[in-house]
Amino acid sequence: MSVAGPLFVYGPMAAGSFLQAALGTPAVDATPDALLPDHGLSAQPGAFPLPGLDDGTTGVNGHIISEPDHVARLIYIGEVLGLGPLQMICPRRDGQEVPARAFRGCPRQ
């Protein structure tokens, strides 16, 4: 699957250890560099492997991945894990909105 543009990863997919294993390189600092405002995380009890994005007030921390090969690899992994369709969002990095895609994850039911 070819997707142009950045991918916002959050929750377990934003962990430095996961990104290093998935991308084969310490490509991302372990400190989240982006915030998706007006969102929160919700998950069914025992939901695996990614909580869903939901309306919220605290915001969701994560990383914006822009390197096309890394984006393609993470999308492939997300599809294999059944993380749901991609959605368009606008996280903020350094005070600027960055249009990106994110997996829907496992929403509240």
N, C-alpha and C. Protein backbone atom coordinates (compact mmCIF):
# COMPACT_ATOMS: atom_id res chain seq x y z
N MET A 1 0.85 -1.18 0.00
CA MET A 1 0.00 0.00 0.00
C MET A 1 0.89 1.24 0.00
N SER A 2 0.61 2.17 -0.87
CA SER A 2 1.38 3.40 -0.95
C SER A 2 0.55 4.54 -0.37
N VAL A 3 1.09 5.19 0.62
CA VAL A 3 0.41 6.32 1.24
C VAL A 3 1.38 7.49 1.27
N ALA A 4 0.96 8.59 0.69
CA ALA A 4 1.80 9.78 0.70
C ALA A 4 1.56 10.54 1.99
N GLY A 5 2.61 11.11 2.52
CA GLY A 5 2.47 11.95 3.69
C GLY A 5 2.82 11.25 4.98
N PRO A 6 2.88 12.03 6.05
CA PRO A 6 3.29 11.52 7.35
C PRO A 6 2.27 10.63 8.02
N LEU A 7 2.76 9.85 8.98
CA LEU A 7 1.94 8.96 9.79
C LEU A 7 2.16 9.34 11.26
N PHE A 8 1.07 9.56 12.00
CA PHE A 8 1.14 9.83 13.43
C PHE A 8 0.98 8.51 14.16
N VAL A 9 1.98 8.15 14.95
CA VAL A 9 1.91 6.92 15.74
C VAL A 9 1.79 7.31 17.20
N TYR A 10 1.00 6.53 17.94
CA TYR A 10 0.72 6.84 19.34
C TYR A 10 0.58 5.53 20.11
N GLY A 11 0.48 5.62 21.42
CA GLY A 11 0.33 4.41 22.23
C GLY A 11 1.52 3.49 22.05
N PRO A 12 1.27 2.18 22.04
CA PRO A 12 2.38 1.22 21.93
C PRO A 12 3.20 1.38 20.65
N MET A 13 2.58 1.86 19.56
CA MET A 13 3.34 2.03 18.31
C MET A 13 4.33 3.19 18.39
N ALA A 14 4.20 4.06 19.38
CA ALA A 14 5.11 5.19 19.52
C ALA A 14 6.28 4.88 20.46
N ALA A 15 6.26 3.71 21.07
CA ALA A 15 7.36 3.34 21.98
C ALA A 15 8.66 3.20 21.20
N GLY A 16 9.72 3.74 21.75
CA GLY A 16 11.01 3.68 21.07
C GLY A 16 11.44 2.26 20.76
N SER A 17 11.19 1.33 21.68
CA SER A 17 11.59 -0.06 21.45
C SER A 17 10.81 -0.68 20.29
N PHE A 18 9.51 -0.36 20.19
CA PHE A 18 8.71 -0.88 19.07
C PHE A 18 9.21 -0.29 17.75
N LEU A 19 9.43 1.02 17.73
CA LEU A 19 9.87 1.65 16.49
C LEU A 19 11.24 1.15 16.07
N GLN A 20 12.13 0.92 17.02
CA GLN A 20 13.45 0.39 16.67
C GLN A 20 13.32 -1.01 16.08
N ALA A 21 12.48 -1.85 16.68
CA ALA A 21 12.29 -3.21 16.16
C ALA A 21 11.61 -3.18 14.79
N ALA A 22 10.60 -2.33 14.63
CA ALA A 22 9.83 -2.28 13.39
C ALA A 22 10.62 -1.67 12.24
N LEU A 23 11.43 -0.67 12.56
CA LEU A 23 12.14 0.05 11.50
C LEU A 23 13.59 -0.38 11.35
N GLY A 24 14.07 -1.19 12.29
CA GLY A 24 15.43 -1.70 12.19
C GLY A 24 16.51 -0.70 12.53
N THR A 25 16.11 0.44 13.08
CA THR A 25 17.07 1.48 13.43
C THR A 25 16.46 2.35 14.51
N PRO A 26 17.29 2.92 15.37
CA PRO A 26 16.73 3.86 16.33
C PRO A 26 16.37 5.16 15.62
N ALA A 27 15.29 5.11 14.85
CA ALA A 27 14.92 6.21 13.96
C ALA A 27 14.24 7.36 14.68
N VAL A 28 13.69 7.11 15.87
CA VAL A 28 12.90 8.12 16.55
C VAL A 28 13.34 8.19 18.01
N ASP A 29 13.48 9.40 18.49
CA ASP A 29 13.76 9.61 19.91
C ASP A 29 12.60 9.05 20.72
N ALA A 30 12.88 8.56 21.91
CA ALA A 30 11.84 7.96 22.76
C ALA A 30 10.86 9.01 23.28
N THR A 31 11.23 10.29 23.26
CA THR A 31 10.34 11.35 23.74
C THR A 31 9.35 11.73 22.65
N PRO A 32 8.04 11.66 22.95
CA PRO A 32 7.06 12.06 21.93
C PRO A 32 7.31 13.49 21.46
N ASP A 33 7.16 13.69 20.16
CA ASP A 33 7.43 15.01 19.60
C ASP A 33 6.19 15.70 19.06
N ALA A 34 5.02 15.09 19.23
CA ALA A 34 3.80 15.66 18.69
C ALA A 34 2.64 15.41 19.65
N LEU A 35 1.63 16.27 19.55
CA LEU A 35 0.43 16.14 20.37
C LEU A 35 -0.78 16.27 19.46
N LEU A 36 -1.70 15.33 19.59
CA LEU A 36 -2.97 15.41 18.89
C LEU A 36 -3.98 15.98 19.88
N PRO A 37 -4.28 17.29 19.77
CA PRO A 37 -5.16 17.92 20.76
C PRO A 37 -6.61 17.46 20.60
N ASP A 38 -7.39 17.68 21.65
CA ASP A 38 -8.83 17.39 21.65
C ASP A 38 -9.14 15.91 21.37
N HIS A 39 -8.22 15.05 21.71
CA HIS A 39 -8.42 13.61 21.56
C HIS A 39 -7.99 12.92 22.85
N GLY A 40 -8.41 11.71 23.00
CA GLY A 40 -8.00 10.85 24.10
C GLY A 40 -7.91 9.44 23.57
N LEU A 41 -7.55 8.53 24.45
CA LEU A 41 -7.47 7.13 24.08
C LEU A 41 -8.60 6.37 24.75
N SER A 42 -9.24 5.51 24.01
CA SER A 42 -10.23 4.63 24.60
C SER A 42 -10.00 3.24 24.04
N ALA A 43 -10.26 2.27 24.85
CA ALA A 43 -10.05 0.90 24.40
C ALA A 43 -11.02 -0.01 25.11
N GLN A 44 -11.41 -1.03 24.42
CA GLN A 44 -12.20 -2.08 25.06
C GLN A 44 -11.31 -2.77 26.07
N PRO A 45 -11.88 -3.30 27.14
CA PRO A 45 -11.04 -4.07 28.06
C PRO A 45 -10.35 -5.20 27.29
N GLY A 46 -9.05 -5.26 27.42
CA GLY A 46 -8.28 -6.30 26.75
C GLY A 46 -8.06 -6.04 25.27
N ALA A 47 -8.37 -4.82 24.80
CA ALA A 47 -8.19 -4.51 23.38
C ALA A 47 -6.72 -4.65 23.01
N PHE A 48 -6.48 -5.25 21.87
CA PHE A 48 -5.11 -5.46 21.41
C PHE A 48 -5.04 -5.05 19.97
N PRO A 49 -4.01 -4.43 19.54
CA PRO A 49 -2.84 -3.97 20.27
C PRO A 49 -2.81 -2.46 20.43
N LEU A 50 -3.81 -1.72 19.93
CA LEU A 50 -3.74 -0.26 19.93
C LEU A 50 -5.06 0.32 20.40
N PRO A 51 -5.02 1.20 21.41
CA PRO A 51 -6.27 1.85 21.81
C PRO A 51 -6.78 2.74 20.68
N GLY A 52 -8.06 3.02 20.69
CA GLY A 52 -8.64 3.86 19.66
C GLY A 52 -8.52 5.34 20.00
N LEU A 53 -8.55 6.18 18.98
CA LEU A 53 -8.61 7.62 19.19
C LEU A 53 -10.06 8.00 19.43
N ASP A 54 -10.28 8.85 20.41
CA ASP A 54 -11.63 9.22 20.81
C ASP A 54 -11.61 10.71 21.14
N ASP A 55 -12.78 11.33 21.21
CA ASP A 55 -12.86 12.70 21.67
C ASP A 55 -12.33 12.76 23.09
N GLY A 56 -11.61 13.78 23.42
CA GLY A 56 -11.07 13.92 24.76
C GLY A 56 -10.50 15.31 24.94
N THR A 57 -10.03 15.59 26.12
CA THR A 57 -9.52 16.92 26.40
C THR A 57 -8.03 16.93 26.67
N THR A 58 -7.45 15.78 27.01
CA THR A 58 -6.05 15.76 27.41
C THR A 58 -5.08 15.74 26.24
N GLY A 59 -5.50 15.26 25.10
CA GLY A 59 -4.62 15.13 23.95
C GLY A 59 -3.89 13.80 23.99
N VAL A 60 -3.34 13.42 22.85
CA VAL A 60 -2.62 12.16 22.70
C VAL A 60 -1.21 12.47 22.22
N ASN A 61 -0.22 12.02 22.97
CA ASN A 61 1.18 12.20 22.57
C ASN A 61 1.60 11.11 21.61
N GLY A 62 2.52 11.46 20.72
CA GLY A 62 3.03 10.48 19.78
C GLY A 62 4.15 11.04 18.94
N HIS A 63 4.42 10.35 17.85
CA HIS A 63 5.47 10.76 16.91
C HIS A 63 4.86 10.92 15.52
N ILE A 64 5.41 11.85 14.77
CA ILE A 64 5.06 12.00 13.36
C ILE A 64 6.21 11.41 12.57
N ILE A 65 5.90 10.35 11.82
CA ILE A 65 6.90 9.66 10.99
C ILE A 65 6.72 10.14 9.56
N SER A 66 7.78 10.68 8.97
CA SER A 66 7.68 11.26 7.63
C SER A 66 8.46 10.51 6.56
N GLU A 67 9.49 9.77 6.96
CA GLU A 67 10.31 9.04 5.99
C GLU A 67 9.43 8.01 5.27
N PRO A 68 9.29 8.10 3.93
CA PRO A 68 8.36 7.23 3.20
C PRO A 68 8.54 5.73 3.44
N ASP A 69 9.78 5.24 3.51
CA ASP A 69 9.99 3.82 3.75
C ASP A 69 9.51 3.41 5.15
N HIS A 70 9.73 4.27 6.13
CA HIS A 70 9.27 3.98 7.49
C HIS A 70 7.75 4.01 7.57
N VAL A 71 7.13 4.99 6.90
CA VAL A 71 5.67 5.07 6.87
C VAL A 71 5.10 3.80 6.24
N ALA A 72 5.65 3.38 5.10
CA ALA A 72 5.15 2.19 4.42
C ALA A 72 5.29 0.95 5.32
N ARG A 73 6.41 0.82 6.00
CA ARG A 73 6.62 -0.35 6.87
C ARG A 73 5.63 -0.35 8.04
N LEU A 74 5.41 0.81 8.66
CA LEU A 74 4.48 0.89 9.78
C LEU A 74 3.04 0.66 9.34
N ILE A 75 2.69 1.11 8.16
CA ILE A 75 1.34 0.85 7.64
C ILE A 75 1.16 -0.65 7.38
N TYR A 76 2.17 -1.26 6.83
CA TYR A 76 2.10 -2.71 6.62
C TYR A 76 1.89 -3.44 7.95
N ILE A 77 2.67 -3.09 8.96
CA ILE A 77 2.54 -3.72 10.27
C ILE A 77 1.14 -3.47 10.83
N GLY A 78 0.65 -2.25 10.71
CA GLY A 78 -0.69 -1.93 11.19
C GLY A 78 -1.77 -2.73 10.50
N GLU A 79 -1.62 -2.94 9.20
CA GLU A 79 -2.60 -3.75 8.47
C GLU A 79 -2.56 -5.20 8.92
N VAL A 80 -1.36 -5.73 9.12
CA VAL A 80 -1.23 -7.12 9.57
C VAL A 80 -1.86 -7.29 10.95
N LEU A 81 -1.71 -6.29 11.81
CA LEU A 81 -2.26 -6.36 13.16
C LEU A 81 -3.76 -6.00 13.23
N GLY A 82 -4.32 -5.58 12.10
CA GLY A 82 -5.74 -5.25 12.07
C GLY A 82 -6.09 -4.00 12.86
N LEU A 83 -5.28 -2.96 12.72
CA LEU A 83 -5.49 -1.75 13.50
C LEU A 83 -6.57 -0.83 12.94
N GLY A 84 -7.24 -1.26 11.91
CA GLY A 84 -8.33 -0.46 11.37
C GLY A 84 -7.85 0.47 10.27
N PRO A 85 -8.78 1.16 9.67
CA PRO A 85 -8.41 2.05 8.56
C PRO A 85 -7.64 3.27 9.07
N LEU A 86 -6.96 3.91 8.14
CA LEU A 86 -6.28 5.16 8.44
C LEU A 86 -7.29 6.30 8.42
N GLN A 87 -7.05 7.30 9.25
CA GLN A 87 -7.89 8.49 9.25
C GLN A 87 -6.99 9.72 9.18
N MET A 88 -7.51 10.80 8.64
CA MET A 88 -6.77 12.06 8.58
C MET A 88 -6.95 12.80 9.90
N ILE A 89 -5.84 13.30 10.41
CA ILE A 89 -5.84 14.06 11.66
C ILE A 89 -4.86 15.23 11.51
N CYS A 90 -4.80 16.11 12.50
CA CYS A 90 -3.85 17.22 12.48
C CYS A 90 -3.16 17.37 13.83
N PRO A 91 -2.17 16.52 14.10
CA PRO A 91 -1.40 16.71 15.34
C PRO A 91 -0.56 17.98 15.24
N ARG A 92 -0.07 18.42 16.37
CA ARG A 92 0.76 19.62 16.43
C ARG A 92 2.19 19.23 16.82
N ARG A 93 3.14 19.81 16.09
CA ARG A 93 4.56 19.64 16.41
C ARG A 93 5.19 21.02 16.36
N ASP A 94 5.86 21.38 17.42
CA ASP A 94 6.49 22.70 17.53
C ASP A 94 5.47 23.82 17.28
N GLY A 95 4.24 23.62 17.76
CA GLY A 95 3.20 24.64 17.64
C GLY A 95 2.52 24.71 16.29
N GLN A 96 2.90 23.87 15.36
CA GLN A 96 2.33 23.90 14.01
C GLN A 96 1.52 22.63 13.75
N GLU A 97 0.36 22.79 13.11
CA GLU A 97 -0.41 21.62 12.70
C GLU A 97 0.30 20.91 11.56
N VAL A 98 0.31 19.60 11.63
CA VAL A 98 0.93 18.77 10.59
C VAL A 98 -0.13 17.77 10.12
N PRO A 99 -0.73 17.97 8.95
CA PRO A 99 -1.68 16.98 8.46
C PRO A 99 -1.01 15.62 8.34
N ALA A 100 -1.64 14.61 8.91
CA ALA A 100 -1.06 13.27 8.93
C ALA A 100 -2.19 12.24 8.96
N ARG A 101 -1.80 11.00 8.82
CA ARG A 101 -2.75 9.89 8.96
C ARG A 101 -2.43 9.15 10.25
N ALA A 102 -3.44 8.47 10.78
CA ALA A 102 -3.25 7.64 11.97
C ALA A 102 -4.21 6.47 11.89
N PHE A 103 -3.83 5.36 12.50
CA PHE A 103 -4.74 4.22 12.58
C PHE A 103 -5.84 4.54 13.58
N ARG A 104 -7.03 4.04 13.31
CA ARG A 104 -8.15 4.24 14.23
C ARG A 104 -8.00 3.42 15.49
N GLY A 105 -7.30 2.31 15.43
CA GLY A 105 -7.11 1.47 16.61
C GLY A 105 -8.41 0.74 16.99
N CYS A 106 -8.53 0.41 18.25
CA CYS A 106 -9.70 -0.33 18.75
C CYS A 106 -10.61 0.63 19.50
N PRO A 107 -11.62 1.16 18.88
CA PRO A 107 -12.48 2.15 19.54
C PRO A 107 -13.35 1.55 20.63
N ARG A 108 -13.86 2.41 21.49
CA ARG A 108 -14.79 1.99 22.54
C ARG A 108 -16.06 1.48 21.89
N GLN A 109 -16.65 0.46 22.47
CA GLN A 109 -17.89 -0.09 21.91
C GLN A 109 -19.04 0.17 22.82
